[in-house]
Amino acid sequence: MILEFIFRWAHVMFGITWIGLLYYFNFVQTEYFKEAEADAKADAMKKLAPRALWWFRWGAMFTFLTGLSLLYQVGAHSNITGMPVIWVGALAGTLMFLNVWLIIWPKQQIVLGMKPGEGPVAAAKAGLASRTNTLLSGPMLFGMLGSKHLYIADPGGVGFFACVVIILALEANALFGKTGPMTSVKGVIHCSIGLTALLWALLAFL
């Protein structure tokens, strides 16, 4: 019990670091870079962004690792009724973690001049993955909290599989698609809230 609490505390602490910086990049830094003077932007890209990305990617790593431990503990030692909910959150969180390490960080290294490549192309790919992570952050948090505090039996499993298909489709868009309505800050916030409500409804009523 004590060990589970320690991992839960660590999971939330690392998650605050990760998602806080995700929102910073999407809601603050990206918008600032659109308006910044060339010298100020260059200085921020050289000194600020690499530091923020370090905390961002390692926050994601340890959120994922502590989450895996908690998922095992919940599945092995608890007869929780909200398992469909937590698996939806776990899927969203896992894809977000993979986006950080396999797309956002490698592409940002190109954007920041840390390794060779086409900067504008890399920036677009990193931006789409980052917007997708912001979109999925609502469902991820819903899964974390809903597993303990929301009763959804989902006896037939239809709602759960519908949720999985939707999340995987959104991840496919992150790899091959476009930002669409997520281009603006307001748009991605609204999309994340709407997606969370949709997944909740699918789990509750299908």
C-alpha atoms as a PDB file:
ATOM      1  CA  MET A   1       0.000   0.000   0.000  1.00  0.00           C
ATOM      2  CA  ILE A   2       2.792   2.418   0.920  1.00  0.00           C
ATOM      3  CA  LEU A   3       4.745   1.496  -2.211  1.00  0.00           C
ATOM      4  CA  GLU A   4       1.689   2.062  -4.390  1.00  0.00           C
ATOM      5  CA  PHE A   5       1.195   5.489  -2.813  1.00  0.00           C
ATOM      6  CA  ILE A   6       4.840   6.428  -3.444  1.00  0.00           C
ATOM      7  CA  PHE A   7       4.545   5.437  -7.100  1.00  0.00           C
ATOM      8  CA  ARG A   8       1.232   7.286  -7.399  1.00  0.00           C
ATOM      9  CA  TRP A   9       2.787  10.416  -5.865  1.00  0.00           C
ATOM     10  CA  ALA A  10       5.785  10.159  -8.218  1.00  0.00           C
ATOM     11  CA  HIS A  11       3.510   9.527 -11.202  1.00  0.00           C
ATOM     12  CA  VAL A  12       1.557  12.710 -10.511  1.00  0.00           C
ATOM     13  CA  MET A  13       4.707  14.732  -9.829  1.00  0.00           C
ATOM     14  CA  PHE A  14       6.392  13.649 -13.065  1.00  0.00           C
ATOM     15  CA  GLY A  15       3.101  14.087 -14.911  1.00  0.00           C
ATOM     16  CA  ILE A  16       2.794  17.692 -13.739  1.00  0.00           C
ATOM     17  CA  THR A  17       6.287  18.348 -15.082  1.00  0.00           C
ATOM     18  CA  TRP A  18       5.571  16.692 -18.428  1.00  0.00           C
ATOM     19  CA  ILE A  19       2.099  18.013 -19.153  1.00  0.00           C
ATOM     20  CA  GLY A  20       2.888  21.431 -17.698  1.00  0.00           C
ATOM     21  CA  LEU A  21       5.703  21.807 -20.216  1.00  0.00           C
ATOM     22  CA  LEU A  22       3.517  20.373 -22.993  1.00  0.00           C
ATOM     23  CA  TYR A  23       1.012  23.164 -22.334  1.00  0.00           C
ATOM     24  CA  TYR A  24       3.836  25.701 -22.075  1.00  0.00           C
ATOM     25  CA  PHE A  25       5.156  24.726 -25.506  1.00  0.00           C
ATOM     26  CA  ASN A  26       1.697  24.748 -27.122  1.00  0.00           C
ATOM     27  CA  PHE A  27       0.068  27.698 -25.385  1.00  0.00           C
ATOM     28  CA  VAL A  28       3.012  30.000 -24.634  1.00  0.00           C
ATOM     29  CA  GLN A  29       6.294  29.345 -26.450  1.00  0.00           C
ATOM     30  CA  THR A  30       4.871  28.579 -29.902  1.00  0.00           C
ATOM     31  CA  GLU A  31       2.683  31.683 -29.812  1.00  0.00           C
ATOM     32  CA  TYR A  32       5.599  33.795 -28.568  1.00  0.00           C
ATOM     33  CA  PHE A  33       7.873  32.572 -31.375  1.00  0.00           C
ATOM     34  CA  LYS A  34       5.304  33.780 -33.914  1.00  0.00           C
ATOM     35  CA  GLU A  35       5.709  37.359 -32.648  1.00  0.00           C
ATOM     36  CA  ALA A  36       9.265  37.467 -31.278  1.00  0.00           C
ATOM     37  CA  GLU A  37      12.041  39.544 -32.785  1.00  0.00           C
ATOM     38  CA  ALA A  38      14.583  37.472 -34.693  1.00  0.00           C
ATOM     39  CA  ASP A  39      17.359  37.966 -32.111  1.00  0.00           C
ATOM     40  CA  ALA A  40      15.085  37.142 -29.173  1.00  0.00           C
ATOM     41  CA  LYS A  41      13.763  34.030 -30.886  1.00  0.00           C
ATOM     42  CA  ALA A  42      17.274  32.853 -31.782  1.00  0.00           C
ATOM     43  CA  ASP A  43      18.438  33.334 -28.188  1.00  0.00           C
ATOM     44  CA  ALA A  44      15.424  31.442 -26.817  1.00  0.00           C
ATOM     45  CA  MET A  45      15.968  28.594 -29.263  1.00  0.00           C
ATOM     46  CA  LYS A  46      19.612  28.372 -28.228  1.00  0.00           C
ATOM     47  CA  LYS A  47      19.282  28.707 -24.446  1.00  0.00           C
ATOM     48  CA  LEU A  48      15.673  28.213 -23.349  1.00  0.00           C
ATOM     49  CA  ALA A  49      14.132  25.552 -25.599  1.00  0.00           C
ATOM     50  CA  PRO A  50      16.843  22.866 -25.059  1.00  0.00           C
ATOM     51  CA  ARG A  51      16.498  23.187 -21.276  1.00  0.00           C
ATOM     52  CA  ALA A  52      12.717  22.993 -21.437  1.00  0.00           C
ATOM     53  CA  LEU A  53      12.882  19.989 -23.767  1.00  0.00           C
ATOM     54  CA  TRP A  54      15.212  18.170 -21.368  1.00  0.00           C
ATOM     55  CA  TRP A  55      12.692  18.424 -18.520  1.00  0.00           C
ATOM     56  CA  PHE A  56       9.873  17.696 -20.958  1.00  0.00           C
ATOM     57  CA  ARG A  57      11.208  14.416 -22.327  1.00  0.00           C
ATOM     58  CA  TRP A  58      12.445  13.050 -18.996  1.00  0.00           C
ATOM     59  CA  GLY A  59       9.195  14.065 -17.325  1.00  0.00           C
ATOM     60  CA  ALA A  60       7.467  11.984 -19.999  1.00  0.00           C
ATOM     61  CA  MET A  61       9.828   9.061 -19.436  1.00  0.00           C
ATOM     62  CA  PHE A  62       9.301   8.833 -15.688  1.00  0.00           C
ATOM     63  CA  THR A  63       5.570   9.493 -15.938  1.00  0.00           C
ATOM     64  CA  PHE A  64       5.387   6.517 -18.289  1.00  0.00           C
ATOM     65  CA  LEU A  65       7.542   4.231 -16.113  1.00  0.00           C
ATOM     66  CA  THR A  66       5.690   4.997 -12.879  1.00  0.00           C
ATOM     67  CA  GLY A  67       2.409   4.640 -14.779  1.00  0.00           C
ATOM     68  CA  LEU A  68       3.403   1.157 -15.927  1.00  0.00           C
ATOM     69  CA  SER A  69       4.098   0.175 -12.343  1.00  0.00           C
ATOM     70  CA  LEU A  70       0.737   1.525 -11.179  1.00  0.00           C
ATOM     71  CA  LEU A  71      -1.078  -0.175 -14.033  1.00  0.00           C
ATOM     72  CA  TYR A  72       0.428  -3.491 -12.963  1.00  0.00           C
ATOM     73  CA  GLN A  73      -0.454  -2.896  -9.323  1.00  0.00           C
ATOM     74  CA  VAL A  74      -4.041  -1.927 -10.158  1.00  0.00           C
ATOM     75  CA  GLY A  75      -4.500  -4.887 -12.495  1.00  0.00           C
ATOM     76  CA  ALA A  76      -2.846  -7.459 -10.265  1.00  0.00           C
ATOM     77  CA  HIS A  77      -3.994  -6.399  -6.824  1.00  0.00           C
ATOM     78  CA  SER A  78      -7.349  -4.693  -7.289  1.00  0.00           C
ATOM     79  CA  ASN A  79     -10.810  -5.590  -8.541  1.00  0.00           C
ATOM     80  CA  ILE A  80     -11.394  -2.044  -9.739  1.00  0.00           C
ATOM     81  CA  THR A  81     -14.600  -1.570 -11.734  1.00  0.00           C
ATOM     82  CA  GLY A  82     -13.213   1.180 -13.952  1.00  0.00           C
ATOM     83  CA  MET A  83     -10.652  -0.883 -15.871  1.00  0.00           C
ATOM     84  CA  PRO A  84     -11.977   0.152 -19.330  1.00  0.00           C
ATOM     85  CA  VAL A  85     -11.437   3.769 -18.290  1.00  0.00           C
ATOM     86  CA  ILE A  86      -7.883   3.285 -17.069  1.00  0.00           C
ATOM     87  CA  TRP A  87      -6.942   1.359 -20.229  1.00  0.00           C
ATOM     88  CA  VAL A  88      -8.187   4.252 -22.372  1.00  0.00           C
ATOM     89  CA  GLY A  89      -6.031   6.630 -20.322  1.00  0.00           C
ATOM     90  CA  ALA A  90      -3.063   4.262 -20.479  1.00  0.00           C
ATOM     91  CA  LEU A  91      -3.315   3.965 -24.259  1.00  0.00           C
ATOM     92  CA  ALA A  92      -3.460   7.736 -24.679  1.00  0.00           C
ATOM     93  CA  GLY A  93      -0.531   8.215 -22.286  1.00  0.00           C
ATOM     94  CA  THR A  94       1.601   5.554 -23.979  1.00  0.00           C
ATOM     95  CA  LEU A  95       1.109   7.098 -27.418  1.00  0.00           C
ATOM     96  CA  MET A  96       1.898  10.526 -26.001  1.00  0.00           C
ATOM     97  CA  PHE A  97       5.124   9.175 -24.482  1.00  0.00           C
ATOM     98  CA  LEU A  98       6.121   7.583 -27.801  1.00  0.00           C
ATOM     99  CA  ASN A  99       5.346  10.827 -29.626  1.00  0.00           C
ATOM    100  CA  VAL A 100       7.718  12.687 -27.313  1.00  0.00           C
ATOM    101  CA  TRP A 101      10.667  10.359 -27.761  1.00  0.00           C
ATOM    102  CA  LEU A 102      10.190   9.179 -31.356  1.00  0.00           C
ATOM    103  CA  ILE A 103       8.817  12.305 -33.047  1.00  0.00           C
ATOM    104  CA  ILE A 104       8.916  15.541 -31.039  1.00  0.00           C
ATOM    105  CA  TRP A 105      12.420  15.279 -29.580  1.00  0.00           C
ATOM    106  CA  PRO A 106      14.166  14.027 -32.779  1.00  0.00           C
ATOM    107  CA  LYS A 107      12.424  16.671 -34.905  1.00  0.00           C
ATOM    108  CA  GLN A 108      13.120  19.432 -32.395  1.00  0.00           C
ATOM    109  CA  GLN A 109      16.799  18.555 -32.516  1.00  0.00           C
ATOM    110  CA  ILE A 110      16.692  19.422 -36.218  1.00  0.00           C
ATOM    111  CA  VAL A 111      14.721  22.610 -35.585  1.00  0.00           C
ATOM    112  CA  LEU A 112      17.227  23.742 -32.941  1.00  0.00           C
ATOM    113  CA  GLY A 113      20.205  22.969 -35.191  1.00  0.00           C
ATOM    114  CA  MET A 114      21.462  20.135 -32.999  1.00  0.00           C
ATOM    115  CA  LYS A 115      21.535  17.749 -35.943  1.00  0.00           C
ATOM    116  CA  PRO A 116      21.132  18.146 -39.724  1.00  0.00           C
ATOM    117  CA  GLY A 117      17.810  18.094 -41.532  1.00  0.00           C
ATOM    118  CA  GLU A 118      15.098  20.250 -43.065  1.00  0.00           C
ATOM    119  CA  GLY A 119      14.028  22.649 -40.346  1.00  0.00           C
ATOM    120  CA  PRO A 120      10.562  23.633 -41.634  1.00  0.00           C
ATOM    121  CA  VAL A 121       9.585  20.004 -42.326  1.00  0.00           C
ATOM    122  CA  ALA A 122      10.832  18.894 -38.908  1.00  0.00           C
ATOM    123  CA  ALA A 123       9.012  21.776 -37.199  1.00  0.00           C
ATOM    124  CA  ALA A 124       5.734  20.809 -38.874  1.00  0.00           C
ATOM    125  CA  LYS A 125       6.086  17.161 -37.823  1.00  0.00           C
ATOM    126  CA  ALA A 126       7.010  18.074 -34.246  1.00  0.00           C
ATOM    127  CA  GLY A 127       4.181  20.600 -34.102  1.00  0.00           C
ATOM    128  CA  LEU A 128       1.551  18.091 -35.236  1.00  0.00           C
ATOM    129  CA  ALA A 129       2.743  15.485 -32.722  1.00  0.00           C
ATOM    130  CA  SER A 130       2.762  18.090 -29.962  1.00  0.00           C
ATOM    131  CA  ARG A 131      -0.756  19.250 -30.839  1.00  0.00           C
ATOM    132  CA  THR A 132      -1.885  15.609 -30.840  1.00  0.00           C
ATOM    133  CA  ASN A 133      -0.393  15.117 -27.378  1.00  0.00           C
ATOM    134  CA  THR A 134      -2.295  18.182 -26.186  1.00  0.00           C
ATOM    135  CA  LEU A 135      -5.458  16.707 -27.711  1.00  0.00           C
ATOM    136  CA  LEU A 136      -4.902  13.379 -25.948  1.00  0.00           C
ATOM    137  CA  SER A 137      -4.024  14.935 -22.595  1.00  0.00           C
ATOM    138  CA  GLY A 138      -7.718  15.330 -21.714  1.00  0.00           C
ATOM    139  CA  PRO A 139      -8.568  11.637 -22.266  1.00  0.00           C
ATOM    140  CA  MET A 140      -5.361  10.610 -20.485  1.00  0.00           C
ATOM    141  CA  LEU A 141      -6.314  12.555 -17.370  1.00  0.00           C
ATOM    142  CA  PHE A 142      -9.878  11.247 -17.650  1.00  0.00           C
ATOM    143  CA  GLY A 143      -8.483   7.710 -17.569  1.00  0.00           C
ATOM    144  CA  MET A 144      -6.259   8.424 -14.570  1.00  0.00           C
ATOM    145  CA  LEU A 145      -9.037   9.917 -12.459  1.00  0.00           C
ATOM    146  CA  GLY A 146     -11.962   7.931 -13.807  1.00  0.00           C
ATOM    147  CA  SER A 147     -10.512   4.557 -12.868  1.00  0.00           C
ATOM    148  CA  LYS A 148     -10.745   5.454  -9.179  1.00  0.00           C
ATOM    149  CA  HIS A 149     -13.585   7.942  -9.028  1.00  0.00           C
ATOM    150  CA  LEU A 150     -15.980   7.044 -11.863  1.00  0.00           C
ATOM    151  CA  TYR A 151     -18.000   3.852 -12.179  1.00  0.00           C
ATOM    152  CA  ILE A 152     -18.190   2.624 -15.784  1.00  0.00           C
ATOM    153  CA  ALA A 153     -18.705  -1.122 -16.078  1.00  0.00           C
ATOM    154  CA  ASP A 154     -18.654  -1.275 -19.933  1.00  0.00           C
ATOM    155  CA  PRO A 155     -19.859  -4.911 -19.816  1.00  0.00           C
ATOM    156  CA  GLY A 156     -19.961  -5.458 -23.564  1.00  0.00           C
ATOM    157  CA  GLY A 157     -16.647  -3.797 -24.279  1.00  0.00           C
ATOM    158  CA  VAL A 158     -18.057  -2.096 -27.405  1.00  0.00           C
ATOM    159  CA  GLY A 159     -17.473   1.389 -26.047  1.00  0.00           C
ATOM    160  CA  PHE A 160     -13.915   0.532 -25.057  1.00  0.00           C
ATOM    161  CA  PHE A 161     -13.005  -0.772 -28.510  1.00  0.00           C
ATOM    162  CA  ALA A 162     -14.629   2.274 -30.127  1.00  0.00           C
ATOM    163  CA  CYS A 163     -12.424   4.470 -27.929  1.00  0.00           C
ATOM    164  CA  VAL A 164      -9.323   2.500 -28.930  1.00  0.00           C
ATOM    165  CA  VAL A 165     -10.134   2.893 -32.642  1.00  0.00           C
ATOM    166  CA  ILE A 166     -10.618   6.659 -32.248  1.00  0.00           C
ATOM    167  CA  ILE A 167      -7.371   7.135 -30.321  1.00  0.00           C
ATOM    168  CA  LEU A 168      -5.386   5.064 -32.831  1.00  0.00           C
ATOM    169  CA  ALA A 169      -6.934   7.024 -35.712  1.00  0.00           C
ATOM    170  CA  LEU A 170      -5.845  10.280 -34.082  1.00  0.00           C
ATOM    171  CA  GLU A 171      -2.332   8.895 -33.652  1.00  0.00           C
ATOM    172  CA  ALA A 172      -2.304   7.922 -37.344  1.00  0.00           C
ATOM    173  CA  ASN A 173      -3.202  11.524 -38.112  1.00  0.00           C
ATOM    174  CA  ALA A 174      -0.264  12.637 -35.940  1.00  0.00           C
ATOM    175  CA  LEU A 175       2.030  10.552 -38.140  1.00  0.00           C
ATOM    176  CA  PHE A 176       0.575  11.243 -41.577  1.00  0.00           C
ATOM    177  CA  GLY A 177      -2.120  13.928 -41.371  1.00  0.00           C
ATOM    178  CA  LYS A 178      -2.644  17.609 -40.611  1.00  0.00           C
ATOM    179  CA  THR A 179      -3.391  19.768 -37.582  1.00  0.00           C
ATOM    180  CA  GLY A 180      -6.838  20.796 -38.832  1.00  0.00           C
ATOM    181  CA  PRO A 181      -8.839  22.540 -36.068  1.00  0.00           C
ATOM    182  CA  MET A 182      -5.926  22.038 -33.656  1.00  0.00           C
ATOM    183  CA  THR A 183      -3.916  24.760 -35.404  1.00  0.00           C
ATOM    184  CA  SER A 184      -5.029  27.383 -32.868  1.00  0.00           C
ATOM    185  CA  VAL A 185      -4.681  27.211 -29.088  1.00  0.00           C
ATOM    186  CA  LYS A 186      -8.428  27.617 -28.650  1.00  0.00           C
ATOM    187  CA  GLY A 187      -9.056  24.929 -31.242  1.00  0.00           C
ATOM    188  CA  VAL A 188      -6.885  22.266 -29.604  1.00  0.00           C
ATOM    189  CA  ILE A 189      -8.342  22.991 -26.152  1.00  0.00           C
ATOM    190  CA  HIS A 190     -11.892  22.647 -27.474  1.00  0.00           C
ATOM    191  CA  CYS A 191     -10.979  19.480 -29.374  1.00  0.00           C
ATOM    192  CA  SER A 192      -9.437  17.904 -26.269  1.00  0.00           C
ATOM    193  CA  ILE A 193     -12.495  18.642 -24.139  1.00  0.00           C
ATOM    194  CA  GLY A 194     -14.806  17.380 -26.886  1.00  0.00           C
ATOM    195  CA  LEU A 195     -12.772  14.207 -27.363  1.00  0.00           C
ATOM    196  CA  THR A 196     -12.841  13.485 -23.629  1.00  0.00           C
ATOM    197  CA  ALA A 197     -16.619  13.916 -23.554  1.00  0.00           C
ATOM    198  CA  LEU A 198     -17.008  11.654 -26.594  1.00  0.00           C
ATOM    199  CA  LEU A 199     -14.909   8.850 -25.114  1.00  0.00           C
ATOM    200  CA  TRP A 200     -16.763   9.124 -21.813  1.00  0.00           C
ATOM    201  CA  ALA A 201     -20.088   8.818 -23.632  1.00  0.00           C
ATOM    202  CA  LEU A 202     -18.889   5.806 -25.634  1.00  0.00           C
ATOM    203  CA  LEU A 203     -17.740   4.009 -22.495  1.00  0.00           C
ATOM    204  CA  ALA A 204     -20.890   4.865 -20.577  1.00  0.00           C
ATOM    205  CA  PHE A 205     -23.550   4.096 -23.201  1.00  0.00           C
ATOM    206  CA  LEU A 206     -22.212   1.516 -25.679  1.00  0.00           C
END
